Amino acid sequence: MSFLSFLQDTNHLMLFAVFLLSGGMLLWPLVNRRFSPVKDVSSAEATQLINRRNAVVLDVREPKEFEGGRLPGALHIPLSQLAGRASELAKMVSRPVVAYCDSGRKSRSAAGVLTKAGFQEVYSLQGGILAWKKDGLPVEK
């Protein structure tokens, strides 16, 4: 049985379509990150950006989370307000920005908002503040 005759059977065609679609969905995050202007950085890389390039540190967590501890010198704009408040950061558009949250998921979304707002060099802290603390780095209260 040739591959073409195999696909002519409706059941096989549907299974093949599901296989292609699910494979594409699994690969999409990898492809998207590869071509995204937003780069993930480790705690060590973020520290270098802060110390060597005067990066803006942006906490995008909600107020209660922010009050529990933050990276030293971090600015606070919750992700839910970022699109409307990005203009507050306009004077810093030439500096790199390191966005972070608890685990790194919200910060990738925030980095996308910042890129759309004109920031050229935007980073997302991998693992968020949890990874920062795990690495033994300082946190302000």
C-alpha atoms as a PDB file:
ATOM      1  CA  MET A   1       0.000   0.000   0.000  1.00  0.00           C
ATOM      2  CA  SER A   2       1.477   3.333  -1.021  1.00  0.00           C
ATOM      3  CA  PHE A   3       1.427   6.387   1.252  1.00  0.00           C
ATOM      4  CA  LEU A   4      -0.963   8.195  -1.111  1.00  0.00           C
ATOM      5  CA  SER A   5      -3.478   5.343  -1.098  1.00  0.00           C
ATOM      6  CA  PHE A   6      -3.094   5.171   2.684  1.00  0.00           C
ATOM      7  CA  LEU A   7      -4.110   8.839   2.971  1.00  0.00           C
ATOM      8  CA  GLN A   8      -7.077   8.378   0.644  1.00  0.00           C
ATOM      9  CA  ASP A   9      -8.816   6.442   3.369  1.00  0.00           C
ATOM     10  CA  THR A  10     -10.780   9.135   5.287  1.00  0.00           C
ATOM     11  CA  ASN A  11      -9.867   7.774   8.708  1.00  0.00           C
ATOM     12  CA  HIS A  12      -6.198   7.773   7.922  1.00  0.00           C
ATOM     13  CA  LEU A  13      -6.383  11.256   6.453  1.00  0.00           C
ATOM     14  CA  MET A  14      -7.993  12.594   9.645  1.00  0.00           C
ATOM     15  CA  LEU A  15      -5.373  10.907  11.821  1.00  0.00           C
ATOM     16  CA  PHE A  16      -2.589  12.311   9.657  1.00  0.00           C
ATOM     17  CA  ALA A  17      -4.097  15.817   9.901  1.00  0.00           C
ATOM     18  CA  VAL A  18      -4.312  15.531  13.705  1.00  0.00           C
ATOM     19  CA  PHE A  19      -0.709  14.326  13.797  1.00  0.00           C
ATOM     20  CA  LEU A  20       0.504  17.307  11.745  1.00  0.00           C
ATOM     21  CA  LEU A  21      -1.539  19.804  13.731  1.00  0.00           C
ATOM     22  CA  SER A  22      -0.442  18.511  17.133  1.00  0.00           C
ATOM     23  CA  GLY A  23       3.188  18.416  16.023  1.00  0.00           C
ATOM     24  CA  GLY A  24       2.943  21.998  14.831  1.00  0.00           C
ATOM     25  CA  MET A  25       1.402  23.065  18.123  1.00  0.00           C
ATOM     26  CA  LEU A  26       4.262  21.450  20.037  1.00  0.00           C
ATOM     27  CA  LEU A  27       6.886  23.159  17.896  1.00  0.00           C
ATOM     28  CA  TRP A  28       5.241  26.616  17.831  1.00  0.00           C
ATOM     29  CA  PRO A  29       6.595  27.840  21.215  1.00  0.00           C
ATOM     30  CA  LEU A  30      10.129  26.885  20.191  1.00  0.00           C
ATOM     31  CA  VAL A  31       9.849  28.636  16.845  1.00  0.00           C
ATOM     32  CA  ASN A  32       8.141  31.664  18.381  1.00  0.00           C
ATOM     33  CA  ARG A  33      10.877  32.126  21.014  1.00  0.00           C
ATOM     34  CA  ARG A  34      13.609  31.725  18.413  1.00  0.00           C
ATOM     35  CA  PHE A  35      12.301  34.614  16.325  1.00  0.00           C
ATOM     36  CA  SER A  36      10.882  36.741  19.141  1.00  0.00           C
ATOM     37  CA  PRO A  37      12.579  40.076  19.897  1.00  0.00           C
ATOM     38  CA  VAL A  38      12.205  39.172  23.594  1.00  0.00           C
ATOM     39  CA  LYS A  39      15.088  37.185  25.053  1.00  0.00           C
ATOM     40  CA  ASP A  40      15.013  35.072  28.199  1.00  0.00           C
ATOM     41  CA  VAL A  41      17.881  35.697  30.639  1.00  0.00           C
ATOM     42  CA  SER A  42      19.100  33.847  33.702  1.00  0.00           C
ATOM     43  CA  SER A  43      19.596  35.561  37.054  1.00  0.00           C
ATOM     44  CA  ALA A  44      23.331  35.865  36.328  1.00  0.00           C
ATOM     45  CA  GLU A  45      22.704  37.431  32.898  1.00  0.00           C
ATOM     46  CA  ALA A  46      20.136  39.818  34.400  1.00  0.00           C
ATOM     47  CA  THR A  47      22.663  40.852  37.053  1.00  0.00           C
ATOM     48  CA  GLN A  48      25.201  41.647  34.334  1.00  0.00           C
ATOM     49  CA  LEU A  49      22.640  43.737  32.418  1.00  0.00           C
ATOM     50  CA  ILE A  50      21.793  45.639  35.595  1.00  0.00           C
ATOM     51  CA  ASN A  51      25.390  46.235  36.675  1.00  0.00           C
ATOM     52  CA  ARG A  52      27.083  46.805  33.320  1.00  0.00           C
ATOM     53  CA  ARG A  53      24.335  48.398  31.224  1.00  0.00           C
ATOM     54  CA  ASN A  54      22.070  50.094  33.791  1.00  0.00           C
ATOM     55  CA  ALA A  55      19.100  47.948  32.799  1.00  0.00           C
ATOM     56  CA  VAL A  56      15.654  48.946  33.996  1.00  0.00           C
ATOM     57  CA  VAL A  57      14.244  46.249  36.282  1.00  0.00           C
ATOM     58  CA  LEU A  58      10.465  45.987  35.917  1.00  0.00           C
ATOM     59  CA  ASP A  59       8.283  43.995  38.291  1.00  0.00           C
ATOM     60  CA  VAL A  60       4.994  43.110  36.586  1.00  0.00           C
ATOM     61  CA  ARG A  61       3.405  41.259  39.505  1.00  0.00           C
ATOM     62  CA  GLU A  62       0.294  42.407  41.330  1.00  0.00           C
ATOM     63  CA  PRO A  63       0.699  44.833  44.298  1.00  0.00           C
ATOM     64  CA  LYS A  64       0.415  42.179  47.050  1.00  0.00           C
ATOM     65  CA  GLU A  65       3.151  40.111  45.398  1.00  0.00           C
ATOM     66  CA  PHE A  66       5.356  43.193  45.006  1.00  0.00           C
ATOM     67  CA  GLU A  67       4.979  44.058  48.707  1.00  0.00           C
ATOM     68  CA  GLY A  68       6.300  40.611  49.640  1.00  0.00           C
ATOM     69  CA  GLY A  69       9.740  41.356  48.177  1.00  0.00           C
ATOM     70  CA  ARG A  70      11.266  42.582  44.949  1.00  0.00           C
ATOM     71  CA  LEU A  71      14.522  42.816  43.062  1.00  0.00           C
ATOM     72  CA  PRO A  72      16.643  45.758  44.213  1.00  0.00           C
ATOM     73  CA  GLY A  73      15.639  49.016  42.515  1.00  0.00           C
ATOM     74  CA  ALA A  74      12.723  47.456  40.648  1.00  0.00           C
ATOM     75  CA  LEU A  75       9.981  49.622  39.202  1.00  0.00           C
ATOM     76  CA  HIS A  76       6.480  48.278  39.651  1.00  0.00           C
ATOM     77  CA  ILE A  77       3.826  48.260  36.952  1.00  0.00           C
ATOM     78  CA  PRO A  78       1.468  45.263  37.087  1.00  0.00           C
ATOM     79  CA  LEU A  79       1.022  43.427  33.807  1.00  0.00           C
ATOM     80  CA  SER A  80      -2.700  44.245  33.890  1.00  0.00           C
ATOM     81  CA  GLN A  81      -1.812  47.979  33.723  1.00  0.00           C
ATOM     82  CA  LEU A  82       1.314  47.880  31.571  1.00  0.00           C
ATOM     83  CA  ALA A  83      -0.209  48.671  28.165  1.00  0.00           C
ATOM     84  CA  GLY A  84      -1.822  51.814  29.557  1.00  0.00           C
ATOM     85  CA  ARG A  85       1.208  52.869  31.595  1.00  0.00           C
ATOM     86  CA  ALA A  86       4.074  52.029  29.227  1.00  0.00           C
ATOM     87  CA  SER A  87       4.460  55.749  28.481  1.00  0.00           C
ATOM     88  CA  GLU A  88       5.764  56.161  32.058  1.00  0.00           C
ATOM     89  CA  LEU A  89       8.859  54.285  30.907  1.00  0.00           C
ATOM     90  CA  ALA A  90       9.316  56.276  27.676  1.00  0.00           C
ATOM     91  CA  LYS A  91      12.323  58.213  28.986  1.00  0.00           C
ATOM     92  CA  MET A  92      14.106  54.860  29.512  1.00  0.00           C
ATOM     93  CA  VAL A  93      13.462  53.467  26.034  1.00  0.00           C
ATOM     94  CA  SER A  94      17.179  53.438  25.150  1.00  0.00           C
ATOM     95  CA  ARG A  95      18.072  51.233  28.138  1.00  0.00           C
ATOM     96  CA  PRO A  96      17.669  47.470  28.302  1.00  0.00           C
ATOM     97  CA  VAL A  97      14.626  46.321  30.313  1.00  0.00           C
ATOM     98  CA  VAL A  98      14.507  43.163  32.407  1.00  0.00           C
ATOM     99  CA  ALA A  99      10.901  42.257  33.203  1.00  0.00           C
ATOM    100  CA  TYR A 100      10.091  39.714  35.867  1.00  0.00           C
ATOM    101  CA  CYS A 101       7.181  38.126  37.718  1.00  0.00           C
ATOM    102  CA  ASP A 102       6.942  35.124  40.049  1.00  0.00           C
ATOM    103  CA  SER A 103       7.854  32.386  37.595  1.00  0.00           C
ATOM    104  CA  GLY A 104       8.595  33.990  34.208  1.00  0.00           C
ATOM    105  CA  ARG A 105       5.291  33.528  32.383  1.00  0.00           C
ATOM    106  CA  LYS A 106       3.784  36.986  32.887  1.00  0.00           C
ATOM    107  CA  SER A 107       7.109  38.669  32.224  1.00  0.00           C
ATOM    108  CA  ARG A 108       7.247  37.245  28.679  1.00  0.00           C
ATOM    109  CA  SER A 109       3.831  38.797  28.022  1.00  0.00           C
ATOM    110  CA  ALA A 110       5.019  42.067  29.546  1.00  0.00           C
ATOM    111  CA  ALA A 111       8.130  42.013  27.391  1.00  0.00           C
ATOM    112  CA  GLY A 112       5.909  41.691  24.317  1.00  0.00           C
ATOM    113  CA  VAL A 113       3.912  44.761  25.409  1.00  0.00           C
ATOM    114  CA  LEU A 114       7.148  46.716  25.911  1.00  0.00           C
ATOM    115  CA  THR A 115       8.448  45.718  22.485  1.00  0.00           C
ATOM    116  CA  LYS A 116       5.225  47.019  20.929  1.00  0.00           C
ATOM    117  CA  ALA A 117       5.707  50.245  22.919  1.00  0.00           C
ATOM    118  CA  GLY A 118       9.054  50.851  21.206  1.00  0.00           C
ATOM    119  CA  PHE A 119      11.604  49.236  23.506  1.00  0.00           C
ATOM    120  CA  GLN A 120      14.348  47.648  21.440  1.00  0.00           C
ATOM    121  CA  GLU A 121      16.097  45.550  24.074  1.00  0.00           C
ATOM    122  CA  VAL A 122      13.689  43.642  26.307  1.00  0.00           C
ATOM    123  CA  TYR A 123      14.477  40.616  28.442  1.00  0.00           C
ATOM    124  CA  SER A 124      12.370  38.260  30.534  1.00  0.00           C
ATOM    125  CA  LEU A 125      13.884  36.821  33.721  1.00  0.00           C
ATOM    126  CA  GLN A 126      13.737  33.028  33.408  1.00  0.00           C
ATOM    127  CA  GLY A 127      12.033  31.563  36.439  1.00  0.00           C
ATOM    128  CA  GLY A 128      11.138  35.017  37.754  1.00  0.00           C
ATOM    129  CA  ILE A 129      11.794  36.106  41.319  1.00  0.00           C
ATOM    130  CA  LEU A 130      11.593  32.480  42.452  1.00  0.00           C
ATOM    131  CA  ALA A 131      14.730  31.654  40.429  1.00  0.00           C
ATOM    132  CA  TRP A 132      16.379  34.895  41.620  1.00  0.00           C
ATOM    133  CA  LYS A 133      15.838  33.881  45.270  1.00  0.00           C
ATOM    134  CA  LYS A 134      16.912  30.291  44.572  1.00  0.00           C
ATOM    135  CA  ASP A 135      20.182  31.655  43.201  1.00  0.00           C
ATOM    136  CA  GLY A 136      20.752  33.471  46.514  1.00  0.00           C
ATOM    137  CA  LEU A 137      20.491  36.983  45.063  1.00  0.00           C
ATOM    138  CA  PRO A 138      19.278  39.944  47.169  1.00  0.00           C
ATOM    139  CA  VAL A 139      15.621  40.905  47.543  1.00  0.00           C
ATOM    140  CA  GLU A 140      14.287  44.183  48.928  1.00  0.00           C
ATOM    141  CA  LYS A 141      11.251  44.308  51.213  1.00  0.00           C
END
